[in-house]
Amino acid sequence: MASTPAPLHDAESIQIIMTQDFNDLIGRAQSLADEFSANAAHHDATGDFPFANFERLFEVGLLGLVSAREHGGLGGGLKEAQTIISEIARGEPSTALVLAMHYNTHYSIRRFGKWAPHLAERILSANRLSLALINAAQAELRIGSPAHGVLP
């Protein structure tokens, strides 16, 4: 018997939208977008991965936006993710694209529960404790991908 997927916008997610906490997160994203814009042309011209941008996203707590609260995340949903991604894209679109991939994987771990528990815990723990990005396809050199059998 198949389980019923969780709603795309659960009560916890709606609650985060209506709080000052989410407004604070939007403010952090806006500040980061301004900061990231200073090096956007460099990353576009050289193709260098914007590692420093992700260090900053981790420092301000935005990499855990869609992870469940019980895993150290903020419990946000897709609407919150879209809002933050849009703000980051204003300053540095490449960072926003990778952030969207990261959120997609973390949200699917939370919503669908189809990851092996030991792998899900490894990914969620890494995201909680340090800068750890994940996506579904390898698109950048030096960054692993589960689709290619390598964890980042």
Protein backbone atom coordinates (compact mmCIF):
# COMPACT_ATOMS: atom_id res chain seq x y z
CA MET A 1 0.00 0.00 0.00
CA ALA A 2 1.50 3.30 -1.08
CA SER A 3 1.74 6.07 1.44
CA THR A 4 0.08 9.40 0.77
CA PRO A 5 2.62 12.15 0.14
CA ALA A 6 2.66 15.03 2.59
CA PRO A 7 0.98 18.21 1.35
CA LEU A 8 3.26 20.58 -0.52
CA HIS A 9 2.56 23.28 2.04
CA ASP A 10 2.25 21.84 5.53
CA ALA A 11 1.06 23.78 8.59
CA GLU A 12 4.62 24.15 9.89
CA SER A 13 5.68 25.70 6.58
CA ILE A 14 2.78 28.13 6.56
CA GLN A 15 3.64 29.16 10.11
CA ILE A 16 7.20 30.09 9.13
CA ILE A 17 5.88 32.42 6.37
CA MET A 18 3.75 34.33 8.85
CA THR A 19 6.48 34.94 11.42
CA GLN A 20 9.13 37.58 11.84
CA ASP A 21 11.65 34.73 11.53
CA PHE A 22 10.93 34.34 7.83
CA ASN A 23 11.14 38.09 7.29
CA ASP A 24 14.57 37.92 8.94
CA LEU A 25 15.58 35.12 6.57
CA ILE A 26 14.45 37.19 3.59
CA GLY A 27 16.54 40.08 4.91
CA ARG A 28 19.57 37.79 5.19
CA ALA A 29 19.03 36.60 1.62
CA GLN A 30 18.73 40.18 0.36
CA SER A 31 21.98 41.15 2.10
CA LEU A 32 23.73 38.10 0.69
CA ALA A 33 22.44 38.85 -2.81
CA ASP A 34 23.99 42.30 -2.59
CA GLU A 35 27.25 40.77 -1.35
CA PHE A 36 27.27 38.03 -4.02
CA SER A 37 26.66 40.49 -6.85
CA ALA A 38 30.15 41.93 -6.35
CA ASN A 39 31.73 38.72 -7.69
CA ALA A 40 29.01 37.50 -10.07
CA ALA A 41 30.78 38.76 -13.20
CA HIS A 42 34.01 37.04 -12.08
CA HIS A 43 32.23 33.69 -11.67
CA ASP A 44 30.52 34.10 -15.04
CA ALA A 45 33.75 34.99 -16.82
CA THR A 46 35.94 32.32 -15.24
CA GLY A 47 33.45 29.53 -14.58
CA ASP A 48 34.80 29.29 -11.04
CA PHE A 49 32.38 27.73 -8.58
CA PRO A 50 31.23 30.31 -5.99
CA PHE A 51 32.37 28.34 -2.92
CA ALA A 52 32.54 31.46 -0.75
CA ASN A 53 28.87 32.20 -1.44
CA PHE A 54 27.88 28.82 -0.05
CA GLU A 55 30.06 29.34 2.99
CA ARG A 56 28.07 32.51 3.64
CA LEU A 57 24.73 30.75 3.04
CA PHE A 58 25.75 28.12 5.59
CA GLU A 59 26.92 30.75 8.10
CA VAL A 60 23.54 32.51 8.05
CA GLY A 61 21.57 29.25 8.24
CA LEU A 62 19.97 29.28 4.80
CA LEU A 63 21.26 25.90 3.60
CA GLY A 64 18.89 24.21 6.07
CA LEU A 65 15.79 26.14 5.02
CA VAL A 66 13.78 23.14 3.79
CA SER A 67 15.24 20.49 6.09
CA ALA A 68 12.95 19.26 8.85
CA ARG A 69 13.31 20.92 12.22
CA GLU A 70 14.08 17.59 13.88
CA HIS A 71 17.14 17.41 11.61
CA GLY A 72 18.34 20.90 12.50
CA GLY A 73 16.63 22.64 9.60
CA LEU A 74 14.07 25.41 9.53
CA GLY A 75 11.18 23.30 8.22
CA GLY A 76 10.37 25.61 5.33
CA GLY A 77 8.50 24.52 2.24
CA LEU A 78 8.65 25.19 -1.46
CA LYS A 79 7.20 28.69 -1.23
CA GLU A 80 9.89 29.72 1.25
CA ALA A 81 12.56 28.09 -0.92
CA GLN A 82 11.32 29.96 -4.00
CA THR A 83 11.40 33.26 -2.11
CA ILE A 84 14.98 32.75 -0.90
CA ILE A 85 16.19 31.44 -4.28
CA SER A 86 14.68 34.48 -6.01
CA GLU A 87 16.46 36.86 -3.65
CA ILE A 88 19.82 35.11 -4.12
CA ALA A 89 19.31 35.05 -7.92
CA ARG A 90 18.98 38.82 -7.90
CA GLY A 91 22.64 39.00 -6.90
CA GLU A 92 24.19 35.85 -8.33
CA PRO A 93 22.09 33.52 -10.49
CA SER A 94 24.59 30.63 -10.54
CA THR A 95 24.53 30.44 -6.75
CA ALA A 96 20.73 30.48 -6.84
CA LEU A 97 20.66 27.59 -9.32
CA VAL A 98 22.87 25.39 -7.15
CA LEU A 99 20.90 26.42 -4.06
CA ALA A 100 17.69 25.35 -5.84
CA MET A 101 19.21 21.92 -6.57
CA HIS A 102 20.32 21.62 -2.94
CA TYR A 103 16.85 22.55 -1.66
CA ASN A 104 15.23 20.12 -4.12
CA THR A 105 17.20 17.18 -2.74
CA HIS A 106 16.68 18.12 0.90
CA TYR A 107 12.97 18.71 0.40
CA SER A 108 12.57 15.36 -1.36
CA ILE A 109 14.33 13.60 1.53
CA ARG A 110 11.86 15.21 3.92
CA ARG A 111 8.68 14.91 1.88
CA PHE A 112 8.95 11.51 0.23
CA GLY A 113 11.02 9.51 2.74
CA LYS A 114 12.38 7.20 0.04
CA TRP A 115 16.04 7.62 0.89
CA ALA A 116 17.70 4.83 2.83
CA PRO A 117 17.69 6.02 6.46
CA HIS A 118 21.46 5.79 6.87
CA LEU A 119 22.07 7.86 3.71
CA ALA A 120 19.41 10.40 4.61
CA GLU A 121 20.94 10.81 8.07
CA ARG A 122 24.42 11.19 6.59
CA ILE A 123 23.26 13.94 4.24
CA LEU A 124 21.10 15.71 6.83
CA SER A 125 23.85 15.55 9.43
CA ALA A 126 26.44 16.92 7.01
CA ASN A 127 24.10 19.78 6.10
CA ARG A 128 23.53 20.59 9.77
CA LEU A 129 27.18 20.47 10.83
CA SER A 130 29.10 22.00 7.95
CA LEU A 131 28.94 23.30 4.42
CA ALA A 132 27.68 20.29 2.48
CA LEU A 133 25.98 20.70 -0.88
CA ILE A 134 24.08 18.02 -2.74
CA ASN A 135 22.34 17.81 -6.08
CA ALA A 136 20.93 15.14 -8.35
CA ALA A 137 23.36 15.53 -11.25
CA GLN A 138 27.03 16.36 -11.51
CA ALA A 139 27.30 19.74 -13.17
CA GLU A 140 30.52 21.17 -11.73
CA LEU A 141 34.04 19.79 -11.53
CA ARG A 142 35.27 18.77 -8.05
CA ILE A 143 31.69 18.37 -6.75
CA GLY A 144 30.32 14.85 -6.33
CA SER A 145 26.82 13.68 -7.13
CA PRO A 146 24.76 10.68 -5.99
CA ALA A 147 23.63 10.27 -9.61
CA HIS A 148 27.25 9.41 -10.44
CA GLY A 149 27.84 7.26 -7.36
CA VAL A 150 29.78 9.86 -5.37
CA LEU A 151 28.62 11.82 -2.36
CA PRO A 152 29.71 15.45 -2.28
